[in-house]
Every structure is written in C-alpha cells, then in structure tokens.
Protein backbone atom coordinates (compact mmCIF):
# COMPACT_ATOMS: atom_id res chain seq x y z
CA UNK A 1 164.85 105.70 -0.76
CA UNK A 2 168.46 103.92 -0.90
CA UNK A 3 168.69 101.58 -3.67
CA UNK A 4 171.99 100.06 -1.71
CA UNK A 5 168.82 98.12 0.47
CA UNK A 6 167.61 96.25 -2.26
CA UNK A 7 169.95 92.85 -2.25
CA UNK A 8 169.89 91.22 -5.82
CA UNK A 9 167.99 87.86 -6.04
CA UNK A 10 170.87 85.26 -5.64
CA UNK A 11 169.87 82.06 -7.53
CA UNK A 12 171.95 80.32 -5.09
CA UNK A 13 169.14 77.38 -5.31
CA UNK A 14 168.73 77.01 -8.92
CA UNK A 15 172.76 76.95 -8.95
CA UNK A 16 172.97 73.83 -6.37
CA UNK A 17 169.66 71.90 -7.84
CA UNK A 18 171.33 72.00 -11.62
CA UNK A 19 174.22 70.31 -10.05
CA UNK A 20 172.48 67.47 -8.69
CA UNK A 21 170.90 67.05 -12.17
CA UNK A 22 172.94 65.04 -14.86
CA UNK A 23 174.18 66.79 -17.81
CA UNK A 24 173.42 63.67 -20.30
CA UNK A 25 170.63 61.78 -20.88
CA UNK A 26 169.91 58.38 -18.92
CA UNK A 27 168.99 55.45 -20.77
CA UNK A 28 165.72 55.44 -20.22
CA UNK A 29 166.12 58.91 -22.35
CA UNK A 30 167.31 57.92 -25.40
CA UNK A 31 164.69 57.88 -28.31
CA UNK A 32 163.53 54.68 -29.50
CA UNK A 33 160.59 52.87 -30.72
CA UNK A 34 158.12 51.89 -28.33
CA UNK A 35 158.40 48.47 -27.21
CA UNK A 36 155.39 46.21 -26.23
CA UNK A 37 153.55 47.15 -23.01
CA UNK A 38 154.69 44.25 -20.54
CA UNK A 39 151.06 43.77 -19.48
CA UNK A 40 151.93 46.14 -16.47
CA UNK A 41 153.29 48.71 -17.78
CA UNK A 42 152.17 52.71 -16.27
CA UNK A 43 153.12 55.59 -18.29
CA UNK A 44 152.54 59.04 -16.15
CA UNK A 45 152.29 62.14 -18.07
CA UNK A 46 152.73 65.07 -15.52
CA UNK A 47 156.10 65.27 -13.06
CA UNK A 48 154.01 67.48 -10.45
CA UNK A 49 152.58 66.27 -7.12
CA UNK A 50 150.36 63.80 -8.52
CA UNK A 51 152.73 62.76 -11.00
CA UNK A 52 155.44 61.89 -8.16
CA UNK A 53 153.17 60.36 -5.48
CA UNK A 54 151.52 57.77 -8.18
CA UNK A 55 154.90 56.84 -9.07
CA UNK A 56 156.41 56.23 -5.85
CA UNK A 57 152.93 54.72 -4.80
CA UNK A 58 152.46 52.37 -7.72
CA UNK A 59 156.22 50.69 -7.36
CA UNK A 60 155.47 50.54 -3.35
CA UNK A 61 152.45 48.71 -3.81
CA UNK A 62 153.73 46.38 -6.78
CA UNK A 63 157.61 46.31 -7.33
CA UNK A 64 156.77 44.49 -11.01
CA UNK A 65 154.98 47.18 -12.48
CA UNK A 66 156.91 49.03 -15.23
CA UNK A 67 156.63 52.84 -14.30
CA UNK A 68 157.89 55.39 -16.31
CA UNK A 69 156.96 59.54 -16.06
CA UNK A 70 157.41 61.69 -18.51
CA UNK A 71 158.02 65.29 -17.52
CA UNK A 72 158.41 68.24 -19.43
CA UNK A 73 160.69 69.98 -16.98
CA UNK A 74 164.23 68.61 -16.15
CA UNK A 75 163.85 70.69 -12.49
CA UNK A 76 160.76 70.03 -10.30
CA UNK A 77 159.75 72.96 -8.94
CA UNK A 78 156.98 73.18 -6.38
CA UNK A 79 154.26 76.08 -5.90
CA UNK A 80 152.61 75.27 -2.62
CA UNK A 81 154.46 77.67 0.26
CA UNK A 82 156.18 79.52 -2.54
CA UNK A 83 154.14 82.87 -1.52
CA UNK A 84 156.38 82.71 1.47
CA UNK A 85 159.70 83.16 -0.86
CA UNK A 86 157.93 86.44 -1.86
CA UNK A 87 157.32 87.42 1.39
CA UNK A 88 160.90 86.94 2.77
CA UNK A 89 160.43 84.70 5.21
CA UNK A 90 163.78 83.55 7.55
CA UNK A 91 165.41 80.34 5.96
CA UNK A 92 163.51 80.13 2.69
CA UNK A 93 165.25 80.28 -0.77
CA UNK A 94 164.67 79.09 -4.08
CA UNK A 95 166.49 75.99 -3.31
CA UNK A 96 163.66 75.31 -0.67
CA UNK A 97 161.45 74.55 -3.56
CA UNK A 98 163.71 72.43 -6.39
CA UNK A 99 163.60 68.94 -6.21
CA UNK A 100 165.97 66.42 -8.79
CA UNK A 101 163.29 63.88 -10.47
CA UNK A 102 166.39 61.15 -11.10
CA UNK A 103 166.78 61.09 -7.08
CA UNK A 104 163.31 59.39 -6.44
CA UNK A 105 163.12 57.33 -9.69
CA UNK A 106 166.48 55.81 -8.86
CA UNK A 107 165.80 55.15 -5.69
CA UNK A 108 162.01 53.65 -5.92
CA UNK A 109 162.57 52.15 -9.52
CA UNK A 110 160.72 54.21 -11.95
CA UNK A 111 162.03 55.51 -15.07
CA UNK A 112 161.77 59.28 -15.79
CA UNK A 113 161.91 60.70 -19.09
CA UNK A 114 162.50 64.48 -19.66
CA UNK A 115 160.31 65.19 -22.89
CA UNK A 116 157.23 67.00 -24.01
CA UNK A 117 154.17 64.94 -25.16
CA UNK A 118 153.38 65.52 -28.73
CA UNK A 119 150.69 62.64 -29.31
CA UNK A 120 148.58 60.02 -27.52
CA UNK A 121 147.20 56.87 -29.34
CA UNK A 122 144.76 55.50 -27.09
CA UNK A 123 143.90 52.77 -29.64
CA UNK A 124 147.29 51.79 -29.87
CA UNK A 125 148.04 52.60 -26.60
CA UNK A 126 151.13 54.78 -27.53
CA UNK A 127 152.68 58.05 -26.04
CA UNK A 128 154.71 60.16 -28.29
CA UNK A 129 157.22 62.31 -27.23
CA UNK A 130 160.19 64.74 -27.97
CA UNK A 131 162.21 61.88 -26.84
CA UNK A 132 160.34 58.42 -27.72
CA UNK A 133 157.86 56.68 -28.13
CA UNK A 134 156.21 54.65 -24.78
CA UNK A 135 153.49 51.79 -24.95
CA UNK A 136 151.19 51.55 -22.05
CA UNK A 137 148.79 49.27 -20.43
CA UNK A 138 147.63 52.02 -17.67
CA UNK A 139 147.86 55.83 -18.45
CA UNK A 140 147.76 58.31 -15.98
CA UNK A 141 147.11 62.05 -16.77
CA UNK A 142 148.64 64.73 -14.26
CA UNK A 143 149.60 67.50 -16.55
CA UNK A 144 148.33 70.59 -14.30
CA UNK A 145 146.92 73.51 -15.95
CA UNK A 146 147.77 76.40 -18.62
CA UNK A 147 146.78 80.30 -18.57
CA UNK A 148 143.41 81.11 -20.57
CA UNK A 149 144.89 84.41 -21.37
CA UNK A 150 144.17 85.15 -24.84
CA UNK A 151 140.37 83.93 -24.03
CA UNK A 152 140.00 86.67 -21.27
CA UNK A 153 141.32 89.90 -22.99
CA UNK A 154 140.36 88.36 -26.87
CA UNK A 155 140.96 92.17 -27.88
CA UNK A 156 144.76 91.91 -26.84
CA UNK A 157 146.69 90.72 -29.59
CA UNK A 158 149.09 87.47 -29.26
CA UNK A 159 152.23 90.12 -29.34
CA UNK A 160 150.51 92.01 -26.16
CA UNK A 161 149.60 88.59 -24.45
CA UNK A 162 153.18 87.52 -24.29
CA UNK A 163 154.46 90.68 -23.39
CA UNK A 164 151.96 91.35 -20.46
CA UNK A 165 152.64 87.52 -19.47
CA UNK A 166 156.11 87.87 -18.85
CA UNK A 167 155.92 91.73 -17.47
CA UNK A 168 152.85 90.66 -15.18
CA UNK A 169 154.17 87.10 -14.00
CA UNK A 170 151.26 85.19 -13.03
CA UNK A 171 153.37 82.53 -10.50
CA UNK A 172 150.68 79.86 -10.73
CA UNK A 173 152.56 77.55 -13.34
CA UNK A 174 156.07 76.64 -11.47
CA UNK A 175 159.11 77.67 -13.07
CA UNK A 176 160.52 81.10 -13.92
CA UNK A 177 157.57 83.34 -12.90
CA UNK A 178 158.42 82.72 -9.17
CA UNK A 179 162.04 83.51 -10.40
CA UNK A 180 160.68 87.25 -12.14
CA UNK A 181 158.62 87.95 -9.20
CA UNK A 182 160.96 87.85 -6.68
CA UNK A 183 163.74 89.51 -8.89
CA UNK A 184 160.82 92.85 -9.42
CA UNK A 185 160.10 92.82 -5.24
CA UNK A 186 163.71 92.99 -4.85
CA UNK A 187 164.27 95.65 -7.31
CA UNK A 188 161.67 97.78 -6.80
CA UNK A 189 161.23 101.65 -5.38
CA UNK A 190 158.99 103.04 -3.22
CA UNK A 191 155.22 102.54 -5.12
CA UNK A 192 152.21 99.45 -5.52
CA UNK A 193 151.73 96.21 -6.00
CA UNK A 194 148.76 95.41 -8.04
CA UNK A 195 147.52 91.34 -7.26
CA UNK A 196 144.70 90.20 -9.73
CA UNK A 197 143.27 86.98 -9.01
CA UNK A 198 141.68 84.89 -11.71
CA UNK A 199 138.51 86.62 -13.08
CA UNK A 200 136.16 83.53 -13.17
CA UNK A 201 136.04 80.18 -13.09
CA UNK A 202 137.99 77.17 -10.99
CA UNK A 203 141.85 77.91 -10.58
CA UNK A 204 145.10 76.63 -9.09
CA UNK A 205 145.33 76.66 -5.12
CA UNK A 206 142.34 79.18 -4.68
CA UNK A 207 144.12 80.65 -1.19
CA UNK A 208 146.89 81.24 -3.23
CA UNK A 209 146.28 85.04 -4.44
CA UNK A 210 144.95 85.83 -1.03
CA UNK A 211 148.08 84.78 0.68
CA UNK A 212 150.60 86.31 -1.80
CA UNK A 213 148.63 89.59 -0.78
CA UNK A 214 149.28 88.86 2.56
CA UNK A 215 153.15 87.65 1.61
CA UNK A 216 153.98 91.42 -0.44
CA UNK A 217 152.72 93.45 1.95
CA UNK A 218 154.68 91.50 4.74
CA UNK A 219 157.64 92.00 2.30
CA UNK A 220 157.07 95.81 1.95
CA UNK A 221 156.66 95.86 5.71
CA UNK A 222 159.68 94.72 6.34
CA UNK A 223 161.66 96.57 3.78
CA UNK A 224 160.30 100.29 4.50
CA UNK A 225 158.69 100.57 1.00
CA UNK A 226 156.14 103.23 0.93
CA UNK A 227 153.43 101.99 -1.46
CA UNK A 228 149.79 99.90 -1.46
CA UNK A 229 149.36 96.22 -2.05
CA UNK A 230 146.52 96.93 -4.50
CA UNK A 231 144.43 93.64 -4.90
CA UNK A 232 141.59 94.15 -8.02
CA UNK A 233 139.43 91.00 -7.42
CA UNK A 234 135.82 90.13 -9.06
CA UNK A 235 134.82 87.92 -6.20
CA UNK A 236 133.25 90.56 -3.82
CA UNK A 237 135.11 89.22 -1.03
CA UNK A 238 134.03 85.50 -1.52
CA UNK A 239 136.71 83.88 -1.78
CA UNK A 240 138.88 80.78 -0.03
CA UNK A 241 139.38 81.53 3.59
CA UNK A 242 137.71 84.92 3.24
CA UNK A 243 137.04 85.86 6.59
CA UNK A 244 140.46 84.66 8.27
CA UNK A 245 142.44 86.51 5.25
CA UNK A 246 140.29 89.78 6.05
CA UNK A 247 140.89 89.19 9.64
CA UNK A 248 144.95 89.19 8.96
CA UNK A 249 145.05 91.69 6.47
CA UNK A 250 143.04 94.28 9.19
CA UNK A 251 145.29 93.44 12.12
CA UNK A 252 148.50 93.12 10.22
CA UNK A 253 148.46 95.22 7.18
CA UNK A 254 145.77 97.11 7.25
CA UNK A 255 147.87 100.76 6.40
CA UNK A 256 149.03 98.40 3.35
CA UNK A 257 146.65 95.96 1.68
CA UNK A 258 143.55 97.75 -0.35
CA UNK A 259 141.27 95.46 -1.65
CA UNK A 260 138.72 95.74 -4.20
CA UNK A 261 136.20 93.15 -4.90
CA UNK A 262 134.43 94.35 -7.82
CA UNK A 263 136.61 95.18 -10.93
CA UNK A 264 137.45 94.01 -14.53
CA UNK A 265 140.56 94.95 -15.72
CA UNK A 266 140.79 96.70 -19.33
CA UNK A 267 143.90 97.28 -20.15
CA UNK A 268 148.11 96.71 -18.66
CA UNK A 269 150.57 99.61 -20.29
CA UNK A 270 154.00 97.88 -18.54
CA UNK A 271 155.85 100.63 -20.13
CA UNK A 272 154.01 103.30 -18.53
CA UNK A 273 153.69 100.81 -15.53
CA UNK A 274 149.91 101.68 -15.47
CA UNK A 275 146.96 99.40 -15.20
CA UNK A 276 143.27 100.55 -16.84
CA UNK A 277 140.58 98.80 -14.53
CA UNK A 278 136.62 99.07 -14.48
CA UNK A 279 135.68 99.69 -10.56
CA UNK A 280 131.72 98.81 -9.57
CA UNK A 281 129.83 100.17 -6.89
CA UNK A 282 127.96 96.72 -6.12
CA UNK A 283 126.29 94.06 -8.16
CA UNK A 284 124.05 96.51 -9.17
CA UNK A 285 126.31 98.40 -11.01
CA UNK A 286 126.49 97.86 -14.57
CA UNK A 287 128.20 100.80 -15.49
CA UNK A 288 131.21 100.89 -13.52
CA UNK A 289 134.08 103.73 -13.60
CA UNK A 290 136.95 103.82 -15.03
CA UNK A 291 140.51 103.64 -13.06
CA UNK A 292 143.98 103.92 -14.04
CA UNK A 293 146.48 103.44 -10.77
CA UNK A 294 150.67 102.82 -11.29
CA UNK A 295 152.70 99.93 -10.00
CA UNK A 296 156.00 99.13 -9.49
CA UNK A 297 154.99 95.15 -9.16
CA UNK A 298 151.73 93.67 -11.27
CA UNK A 299 151.05 90.34 -10.76
CA UNK A 300 148.39 88.97 -13.28
CA UNK A 301 146.85 86.18 -12.65
CA UNK A 302 144.66 84.87 -15.67
CA UNK A 303 141.99 82.57 -15.65
CA UNK A 304 142.84 78.95 -15.82
CA UNK A 305 142.27 76.28 -17.78
CA UNK A 306 143.27 72.68 -17.86
CA UNK A 307 146.74 71.64 -19.62
CA UNK A 308 145.79 70.58 -23.86
CA UNK A 309 147.32 67.22 -22.79
CA UNK A 310 143.55 66.28 -21.75
CA UNK A 311 142.23 67.21 -24.86
CA UNK A 312 145.67 65.72 -27.05
CA UNK A 313 144.42 62.29 -25.36
CA UNK A 314 140.82 62.96 -26.75
CA UNK A 315 139.14 62.83 -24.13
CA UNK A 316 135.73 63.96 -22.87
CA UNK A 317 135.70 67.25 -20.73
CA UNK A 318 133.66 70.03 -19.32
CA UNK A 319 133.35 73.78 -20.59
CA UNK A 320 137.44 74.66 -19.62
CA UNK A 321 139.23 70.85 -20.60
CA UNK A 322 138.69 69.16 -17.38
CA UNK A 323 138.51 65.39 -17.77
CA UNK A 324 135.33 64.27 -17.22
CA UNK A 325 135.48 61.49 -14.22
CA UNK A 326 133.93 57.70 -14.12
CA UNK A 327 131.92 58.24 -11.25
CA UNK A 328 133.47 58.49 -8.09
CA UNK A 329 136.66 56.71 -9.55
CA UNK A 330 140.09 58.69 -10.94
CA UNK A 331 139.59 56.59 -14.05
CA UNK A 332 138.49 58.57 -17.54
CA UNK A 333 134.67 58.41 -18.48
CA UNK A 334 136.53 57.85 -21.73
CA UNK A 335 138.62 55.04 -21.41
CA UNK A 336 138.96 52.73 -19.03
CA UNK A 337 142.84 52.43 -19.43
CA UNK A 338 143.27 56.27 -18.56
CA UNK A 339 143.32 57.91 -15.70
CA UNK A 340 143.54 61.39 -14.45
CA UNK A 341 144.82 62.96 -11.31
CA UNK A 342 145.77 66.55 -9.64
CA UNK A 343 144.49 69.71 -11.54
CA UNK A 344 143.07 67.95 -14.65
CA UNK A 345 140.35 66.18 -13.05
CA UNK A 346 136.36 67.65 -12.97
CA UNK A 347 135.85 66.59 -9.31
CA UNK A 348 134.68 68.98 -6.91
CA UNK A 349 137.29 68.65 -4.89
CA UNK A 350 139.97 71.75 -4.54
CA UNK A 351 142.73 71.78 -7.37
CA UNK A 352 145.61 72.20 -4.24
CA UNK A 353 148.63 69.94 -3.67
CA UNK A 354 147.41 67.94 -0.81
CA UNK A 355 143.98 66.96 -3.01
CA UNK A 356 146.99 65.89 -5.94
CA UNK A 357 148.58 63.51 -3.38
CA UNK A 358 145.42 62.03 -1.68
CA UNK A 359 143.97 61.22 -5.46
CA UNK A 360 146.88 60.06 -6.14
CA UNK A 361 147.11 57.40 -3.47
CA UNK A 362 143.49 56.60 -3.90
CA UNK A 363 144.05 56.46 -7.83
CA UNK A 364 146.79 54.08 -7.49
CA UNK A 365 145.10 51.47 -5.41
CA UNK A 366 142.50 51.92 -8.33
CA UNK A 367 144.92 50.82 -11.20
CA UNK A 368 146.41 47.75 -8.78
CA UNK A 369 143.03 46.28 -9.00
CA UNK A 370 142.30 47.02 -12.59
CA UNK A 371 145.99 45.44 -13.35
CA UNK A 372 145.01 42.66 -11.30
CA UNK A 373 141.59 41.99 -12.45
CA UNK A 374 139.87 42.86 -9.41
CA UNK A 375 136.79 45.00 -8.33
CA UNK A 376 137.58 48.28 -6.75
CA UNK A 377 134.80 50.24 -4.63
CA UNK A 378 135.57 54.21 -5.33
CA UNK A 379 133.24 54.64 -2.74
CA UNK A 380 135.83 52.92 -0.50
CA UNK A 381 136.58 55.19 2.69
CA UNK A 382 134.35 57.69 2.27
CA UNK A 383 133.60 60.57 3.04
CA UNK A 384 137.53 61.43 3.79
CA UNK A 385 137.90 63.70 6.80
CA UNK A 386 140.60 66.11 6.30
CA UNK A 387 141.60 64.52 2.73
CA UNK A 388 142.90 68.06 2.21
CA UNK A 389 144.77 70.46 4.35
CA UNK A 390 145.69 73.64 3.27
CA UNK A 391 147.60 76.11 4.73
CA UNK A 392 148.77 79.73 4.39
CA UNK A 393 151.22 82.26 5.97
CA UNK A 394 149.71 85.73 6.72
CA UNK A 395 152.44 87.30 8.66
CA UNK A 396 156.52 86.61 9.00
CA UNK A 397 157.74 88.44 12.24
CA UNK A 398 156.32 86.61 13.90
CA UNK A 399 155.35 83.74 11.36
CA UNK A 400 151.63 83.08 11.49
CA UNK A 401 149.29 81.15 9.29
CA UNK A 402 145.79 80.13 8.94
CA UNK A 403 144.43 76.63 7.44
CA UNK A 404 141.63 75.34 6.21
CA UNK A 405 140.17 71.06 5.84
CA UNK A 406 138.23 69.34 3.75
CA UNK A 407 136.23 66.17 3.75
CA UNK A 408 135.80 64.43 0.54
CA UNK A 409 132.29 63.05 -0.20
CA UNK A 410 130.97 61.08 -2.64
CA UNK A 411 128.14 63.51 -3.75
CA UNK A 412 124.81 62.41 -5.28
CA UNK A 413 125.47 63.82 -8.42
CA UNK A 414 128.11 61.12 -9.08
CA UNK A 415 131.54 63.26 -8.57
CA UNK A 416 133.67 63.92 -5.60
CA UNK A 417 132.73 66.89 -3.42
CA UNK A 418 135.16 68.69 -0.75
CA UNK A 419 133.45 70.17 1.98
CA UNK A 420 135.50 72.96 3.88
CA UNK A 421 135.99 74.03 7.46
CA UNK A 422 138.33 77.07 8.53
CA UNK A 423 139.51 76.13 12.18
CA UNK A 424 140.45 78.81 15.13
CA UNK A 425 143.47 77.46 16.36
CA UNK A 426 143.85 76.85 20.34
CA UNK A 427 147.07 79.22 20.51
CA UNK A 428 145.51 81.74 18.43
CA UNK A 429 143.51 83.73 21.17
CA UNK A 430 140.34 83.59 19.31
CA UNK A 431 142.00 84.27 15.97
CA UNK A 432 142.06 82.58 12.37
CA UNK A 433 145.93 82.64 12.75
CA UNK A 434 148.25 80.92 14.92
CA UNK A 435 152.32 80.31 15.36
CA UNK A 436 151.49 77.05 15.59
CA UNK A 437 149.65 76.69 12.20
CA UNK A 438 153.10 78.69 11.19
CA UNK A 439 154.98 76.37 12.23
CA UNK A 440 152.43 73.42 11.09
CA UNK A 441 152.73 74.48 7.58
CA UNK A 442 156.54 74.43 7.49
CA UNK A 443 156.28 70.78 8.75
CA UNK A 444 153.75 70.22 6.26
CA UNK A 445 155.69 71.39 3.52
CA UNK A 446 158.97 69.74 4.58
CA UNK A 447 157.09 66.15 5.24
CA UNK A 448 155.48 66.41 1.54
CA UNK A 449 159.07 67.14 -0.27
CA UNK A 450 160.83 64.36 2.14
CA UNK A 451 157.79 62.28 0.67
CA UNK A 452 157.86 63.04 -2.74
CA UNK A 453 162.41 62.78 -3.09
CA UNK A 454 163.39 60.68 -0.19
C-alpha cells in the first residue's frame, strides 16, 4: 500500500475555532468570593447540548434571570454526527463540530465561566470552582458521563488503564478522543479495526458504536484499505436500531464488517497491537474460546458511569451514579433546588443530544415556575411524540442514513420512559436507509448547532 494516499489529518477546524476564543479571561471569569444570590440566580454546571440549551431557554423565558454556565472545557465540541468525520463524508471536518462558548453567552446575556467544579455546598447554595465561587438559587447539573474502565477491567493496573484509554480512545466524550481516532484511521495501513461497544449498562448514544462501525467501513472501502471492521459485542445482536444497522451492513459492507455478538475482552497489548477476547457460541456457553486478533486501530468504548459531579453534590443516585429524580420532573429527588438534565438523569429515556435538548426545555419551564411560585405539572404535554429523533449515517457514496423516533411518557413506575420506532422511509425502496434520511441527518445537526450558537 502506498503511504502517500494517507493524508495527514489537518486540524484547520481546531485552529479556526481557537482564533475565535478569547486569550484572556472575561470579567465573569475573574476569581471572587461568591456574591449573594439574587433570588433569581441559576448556575448551570456543564456546557453540552443540555447546558447550553437550558441557558438560552431560561434567558428567553425571563430576561431578569442571572444565568451562569460553568464548563471545564474552553471550547465546545459536539459528539452527535461526529462518526461522519471518521467516515470521511464530504465536507465534514473537525470545524463542523466546534463551537465558541462566548458567542451565545454574549448574545443571550448569560455568563460563561471556564472552570472545573471542585465542590458543591447545597446547604449554602454555593458552587466552588477553580475560577471562584458561585452562589445560586437554582442549580442545574448537566455534567455528562465518565468512563468506568477501571471497574470493568479490575485486573488492569492504573497505568495500563491510562495507556489503553490513550491508545484505544473511546470517542464518546468530546475532545481529543475523536482527533486521536481520526488520526489513527488516516495513518493506518492494511489491517483490522476493532470496535468494542460498552459491555453492559446504560451508555451515551446507544446507536453510536454501530453507526461508527458503518462509517469506519465506509472509510476503509473508499480508501481501498484491505481489512475488516470487527465488532466485539456482548449484546448478541440486540442493540439500538439493530435491524436497520444489520441490513445496511449486509447490503453495503458485507465483505468488511464482521460482527461478533457474544464476546468478552480479556486483554489488549498496545505494543503488539493485539486484542485477546473470549468468544461464546451462544448464551448457554459458559467457557468460551480464547481468541487473539491483530489490529491497526482499536476503539475500546468502556462501560459508562455518570459524571462524579452528581455524587459531589451529594444527590441520591442509582447504582451507576445517575441522579434519582423527583417523579416525572427534572428536579432531583434529594433537593428541590437542584435540577438534573442530559445523560445524568435516571429517567428511562435514551441519553442522546436531542433528548438533552428536549429535557432542557421542559426543565426550564419547571424552573421558571418554581422561581415565580407557580405549580408545575410534570405530566403536562405527555406523552410527547417524537421527543427524541436520532439519526445514524450508514453509507457515504451515496450518503444514506437510518433513524429512530421515541415517544416519551409518564410510566406507571414513576419516571419518564421512552418507546422507540424505527421507520422505513418513503424514499428507501423498502429499506431502512435512504438518501432523504441522510439529508435530514445533516439538517438536524446543522439546526441544533445554529440553535445553540446563534
């Protein structure tokens, strides 16, 4: 294989976004002792889809609100649609996913603070950060996820966990992981790409590993790379949009994608570029057969857990650290002045970008009512049809995508629940995928980015 057909990954998007960011702290970032909350002060921890949507929605509903967003990253990067970068789709660069936090902050009149939260005192209503203390009347937590690699692989040392997280980036947390995966793909020779979905539990964007499978296969096909995309799963073919993905894989990449549904990763040797795993014949096979496969690129997506910010706040959680909710609302079960949105909730709704947006708008209304002494009905407007719409790209030439919609309702168990439907589009000729759905995918992503940043 000629090495000159592997272009070096250009970080033009990062450079362009970096130019847009201030090099000095704004007035809102200067360290100071927390002033007394105004009676209408809302502090939002986390500047992802949920946090930014919440900040804008609150200010649009009530201009008198003092809203502050605290985010540990100084530059926004979107995870939804990011697999299209790995797939090499036309016109998609890193710049497609980058946003300048200061732009919407200035336009909508809320403060943005680049800082890491170090403590939350719910009694005093103060958030302590590396850039000062912030008092609140209402606290909104939208901190996202963390990886649970150490618990998933207890025999691995801390050094090995760090080594593998760097060498086999998960790509579910925005930032360097996506850059590293793209660089590895761009620089790879003939050989295999290993994709390991989370082995168990709830995880961010359930279709993500399977969309990534299609997009990496698309990249390899377009570049003429000889090798396989091998998926080492534990779910035995039962995953989000499974029928639609499997149909697309078979039709478009049958000679590239190899799905193994009952596996257990044992070890990864990053120097030798090998992964060792057990493969089971069926659910009754308790012994399995040990296999070792060589790879060029390895994408290990660890089990997810909730960001530690939730436990830092002393909120009641479930076993994975996700916040227990007050009935059908987005209010914490523990504290009526703390709301939780996005991936961190324990509601039975899919953890997606669109779900975070929907939940933020709903929670914003609940917060406004609370601050104004009004009673809010958390069941109002339910069931909500197509509250979540999630697209997945599955082909590149031509571009084709699949989708799922969810209706959210008040479940008898006392939480919000989602019921999904994967439609066959009118322009799909009886298939789950279509060009029209791919167009809708781009339009959805462009729309939500404009909504947050303009």
